[in-house]
Each structure stands twice: as C-alpha cells, then as structure tokens.
Amino acid sequence: MVDAFAERVLDVVERIPPGKVMAYGDIAEYLGEGGPRQVGKVMSTWGGGVPWWRVVHSDGTCAAPDHLVRCLARWREEGTPLRGERVNMREARWDGRPANFH
C-alpha cells in the first residue's frame, strides 16, 4: 500500500513535463518534506508506473545506472537537453511551475 508521502512524490513525478527533469532533492524540496533518500525509496518501490526517467541524480545522471540505455532513449525521444550521457541540469531542471507560467 502506498503511503501519503509516496503518493505526493509520485504525483509530482507524473507532472514533470516531457523534456524536463527533477533531482531527488528537488522533489523533496518542492514538497517541503523528506529528503533525497526518502524520494529515492519511493521511486525504487513504486516508481515503475510514472515517468521515472525524469527523476535523476543532482549531477544529471540516470537514477538507475543499469537503465542508462533506456534513460538515454527516453530523454532523446522527449528532447531533454543532454551533455553526453547525462541531462544538462541547467537547461532541463523543472521547478514545479506549470509550463505556461511566466
């Protein structure tokens, strides 16, 4: 059973737009609770049903190194800004605001 914190984490991940990413710590900061490890636990336990490739380490690397090929394919498909085999965090980091927010 998914607890309330996990539901909030998964909700944020579902709202990350294609081509954008958030780091584990970004999600915790956005929610104002937990930390990177708690978000990572949620993602490793229940993250398969959400766009998990949009959650990365703070340095832009794929959160699941054994899934790097899948991450790269998804990132390229969505037009996520890259620097080699990692996300360009300066360009791709999402702050949680709607895409049409100015």
C-alpha atoms as a PDB file:
ATOM      1  CA  MET A   1       0.000   0.000   0.000  1.00  0.00           C
ATOM      2  CA  VAL A   2       1.316   3.409  -0.994  1.00  0.00           C
ATOM      3  CA  ASP A   3       1.517   5.881   1.896  1.00  0.00           C
ATOM      4  CA  ALA A   4       0.595   9.574   1.659  1.00  0.00           C
ATOM      5  CA  PHE A   5       4.198  10.770   1.182  1.00  0.00           C
ATOM      6  CA  ALA A   6       4.725   8.277  -1.633  1.00  0.00           C
ATOM      7  CA  GLU A   7       1.511   9.413  -3.306  1.00  0.00           C
ATOM      8  CA  ARG A   8       2.703  13.032  -3.190  1.00  0.00           C
ATOM      9  CA  VAL A   9       6.095  12.079  -4.660  1.00  0.00           C
ATOM     10  CA  LEU A  10       4.507  10.068  -7.468  1.00  0.00           C
ATOM     11  CA  ASP A  11       2.076  12.913  -8.190  1.00  0.00           C
ATOM     12  CA  VAL A  12       4.976  15.355  -8.643  1.00  0.00           C
ATOM     13  CA  VAL A  13       6.828  12.910 -10.917  1.00  0.00           C
ATOM     14  CA  GLU A  14       3.717  12.468 -13.068  1.00  0.00           C
ATOM     15  CA  ARG A  15       3.558  16.250 -13.558  1.00  0.00           C
ATOM     16  CA  ILE A  16       7.176  16.700 -14.732  1.00  0.00           C
ATOM     17  CA  PRO A  17       6.786  17.756 -18.382  1.00  0.00           C
ATOM     18  CA  PRO A  18       8.465  15.805 -21.176  1.00  0.00           C
ATOM     19  CA  GLY A  19      11.963  17.155 -21.762  1.00  0.00           C
ATOM     20  CA  LYS A  20      12.312  18.264 -18.133  1.00  0.00           C
ATOM     21  CA  VAL A  21      13.683  16.534 -15.023  1.00  0.00           C
ATOM     22  CA  MET A  22      13.863  16.900 -11.267  1.00  0.00           C
ATOM     23  CA  ALA A  23      16.530  15.552  -8.945  1.00  0.00           C
ATOM     24  CA  TYR A  24      15.519  13.530  -5.888  1.00  0.00           C
ATOM     25  CA  GLY A  25      16.315  16.503  -3.653  1.00  0.00           C
ATOM     26  CA  ASP A  26      14.324  18.848  -5.900  1.00  0.00           C
ATOM     27  CA  ILE A  27      11.221  16.747  -5.316  1.00  0.00           C
ATOM     28  CA  ALA A  28      11.726  16.714  -1.537  1.00  0.00           C
ATOM     29  CA  GLU A  29      12.301  20.469  -1.538  1.00  0.00           C
ATOM     30  CA  TYR A  30       9.229  21.078  -3.701  1.00  0.00           C
ATOM     31  CA  LEU A  31       7.103  19.013  -1.316  1.00  0.00           C
ATOM     32  CA  GLY A  32       8.689  20.564   1.764  1.00  0.00           C
ATOM     33  CA  GLU A  33       9.199  17.157   3.348  1.00  0.00           C
ATOM     34  CA  GLY A  34      11.503  14.185   3.274  1.00  0.00           C
ATOM     35  CA  GLY A  35      14.841  14.228   1.539  1.00  0.00           C
ATOM     36  CA  PRO A  36      16.588  12.701  -1.459  1.00  0.00           C
ATOM     37  CA  ARG A  37      16.853   9.259   0.161  1.00  0.00           C
ATOM     38  CA  GLN A  38      13.160   9.156   1.021  1.00  0.00           C
ATOM     39  CA  VAL A  39      12.231  10.162  -2.517  1.00  0.00           C
ATOM     40  CA  GLY A  40      14.641   7.528  -3.848  1.00  0.00           C
ATOM     41  CA  LYS A  41      12.977   4.870  -1.713  1.00  0.00           C
ATOM     42  CA  VAL A  42       9.569   5.821  -3.089  1.00  0.00           C
ATOM     43  CA  MET A  43      10.874   5.714  -6.652  1.00  0.00           C
ATOM     44  CA  SER A  44      12.612   2.351  -6.206  1.00  0.00           C
ATOM     45  CA  THR A  45       9.492   0.833  -4.659  1.00  0.00           C
ATOM     46  CA  TRP A  46       6.638   2.380  -6.662  1.00  0.00           C
ATOM     47  CA  GLY A  47       8.215   4.451  -9.451  1.00  0.00           C
ATOM     48  CA  GLY A  48       7.703   1.981 -12.296  1.00  0.00           C
ATOM     49  CA  GLY A  49       4.284   3.400 -13.150  1.00  0.00           C
ATOM     50  CA  VAL A  50       5.397   7.015 -13.539  1.00  0.00           C
ATOM     51  CA  PRO A  51       7.959   8.648 -15.890  1.00  0.00           C
ATOM     52  CA  TRP A  52      10.899   7.517 -13.712  1.00  0.00           C
ATOM     53  CA  TRP A  53      13.478   8.667 -16.291  1.00  0.00           C
ATOM     54  CA  ARG A  54      12.544  12.263 -15.438  1.00  0.00           C
ATOM     55  CA  VAL A  55      13.946  11.797 -11.906  1.00  0.00           C
ATOM     56  CA  VAL A  56      17.732  11.987 -11.911  1.00  0.00           C
ATOM     57  CA  HIS A  57      20.686  12.457  -9.612  1.00  0.00           C
ATOM     58  CA  SER A  58      21.580  16.106  -8.988  1.00  0.00           C
ATOM     59  CA  ASP A  59      24.506  15.802 -11.422  1.00  0.00           C
ATOM     60  CA  GLY A  60      22.114  14.823 -14.234  1.00  0.00           C
ATOM     61  CA  THR A  61      22.984  11.140 -14.321  1.00  0.00           C
ATOM     62  CA  CYS A  62      20.378   8.442 -14.725  1.00  0.00           C
ATOM     63  CA  ALA A  63      18.974   7.451 -11.352  1.00  0.00           C
ATOM     64  CA  ALA A  64      19.177   3.780 -12.321  1.00  0.00           C
ATOM     65  CA  PRO A  65      22.619   3.198 -13.900  1.00  0.00           C
ATOM     66  CA  ASP A  66      21.550  -0.247 -15.090  1.00  0.00           C
ATOM     67  CA  HIS A  67      18.819   1.508 -17.097  1.00  0.00           C
ATOM     68  CA  LEU A  68      21.087   4.105 -18.734  1.00  0.00           C
ATOM     69  CA  VAL A  69      20.271   2.916 -22.258  1.00  0.00           C
ATOM     70  CA  ARG A  70      16.541   3.226 -21.523  1.00  0.00           C
ATOM     71  CA  CYS A  71      17.067   6.656 -19.914  1.00  0.00           C
ATOM     72  CA  LEU A  72      19.002   7.936 -22.907  1.00  0.00           C
ATOM     73  CA  ALA A  73      16.355   6.658 -25.323  1.00  0.00           C
ATOM     74  CA  ARG A  74      13.539   8.353 -23.364  1.00  0.00           C
ATOM     75  CA  TRP A  75      15.488  11.588 -22.945  1.00  0.00           C
ATOM     76  CA  ARG A  76      16.283  11.759 -26.659  1.00  0.00           C
ATOM     77  CA  GLU A  77      12.688  10.909 -27.560  1.00  0.00           C
ATOM     78  CA  GLU A  78      11.436  13.774 -25.364  1.00  0.00           C
ATOM     79  CA  GLY A  79      14.104  16.260 -26.448  1.00  0.00           C
ATOM     80  CA  THR A  80      15.643  16.547 -22.984  1.00  0.00           C
ATOM     81  CA  PRO A  81      18.810  18.716 -23.139  1.00  0.00           C
ATOM     82  CA  LEU A  82      21.837  16.445 -22.694  1.00  0.00           C
ATOM     83  CA  ARG A  83      25.566  16.718 -22.111  1.00  0.00           C
ATOM     84  CA  GLY A  84      26.919  13.404 -23.251  1.00  0.00           C
ATOM     85  CA  GLU A  85      25.160  10.662 -21.298  1.00  0.00           C
ATOM     86  CA  ARG A  86      23.670  12.935 -18.661  1.00  0.00           C
ATOM     87  CA  VAL A  87      20.985  15.592 -18.508  1.00  0.00           C
ATOM     88  CA  ASN A  88      22.028  19.227 -18.784  1.00  0.00           C
ATOM     89  CA  MET A  89      20.537  20.252 -15.439  1.00  0.00           C
ATOM     90  CA  ARG A  90      20.856  23.983 -16.136  1.00  0.00           C
ATOM     91  CA  GLU A  91      18.509  23.657 -19.111  1.00  0.00           C
ATOM     92  CA  ALA A  92      16.312  20.704 -18.143  1.00  0.00           C
ATOM     93  CA  ARG A  93      15.628  21.166 -14.410  1.00  0.00           C
ATOM     94  CA  TRP A  94      11.912  21.733 -13.752  1.00  0.00           C
ATOM     95  CA  ASP A  95      10.892  23.956 -10.847  1.00  0.00           C
ATOM     96  CA  GLY A  96       7.355  22.634 -10.498  1.00  0.00           C
ATOM     97  CA  ARG A  97       5.594  25.549 -12.131  1.00  0.00           C
ATOM     98  CA  PRO A  98       3.137  24.914 -14.973  1.00  0.00           C
ATOM     99  CA  ALA A  99       4.749  25.153 -18.418  1.00  0.00           C
ATOM    100  CA  ASN A 100       2.682  28.219 -19.369  1.00  0.00           C
ATOM    101  CA  PHE A 101       3.615  30.112 -16.164  1.00  0.00           C
ATOM    102  CA  HIS A 102       5.595  33.316 -16.803  1.00  0.00           C
END
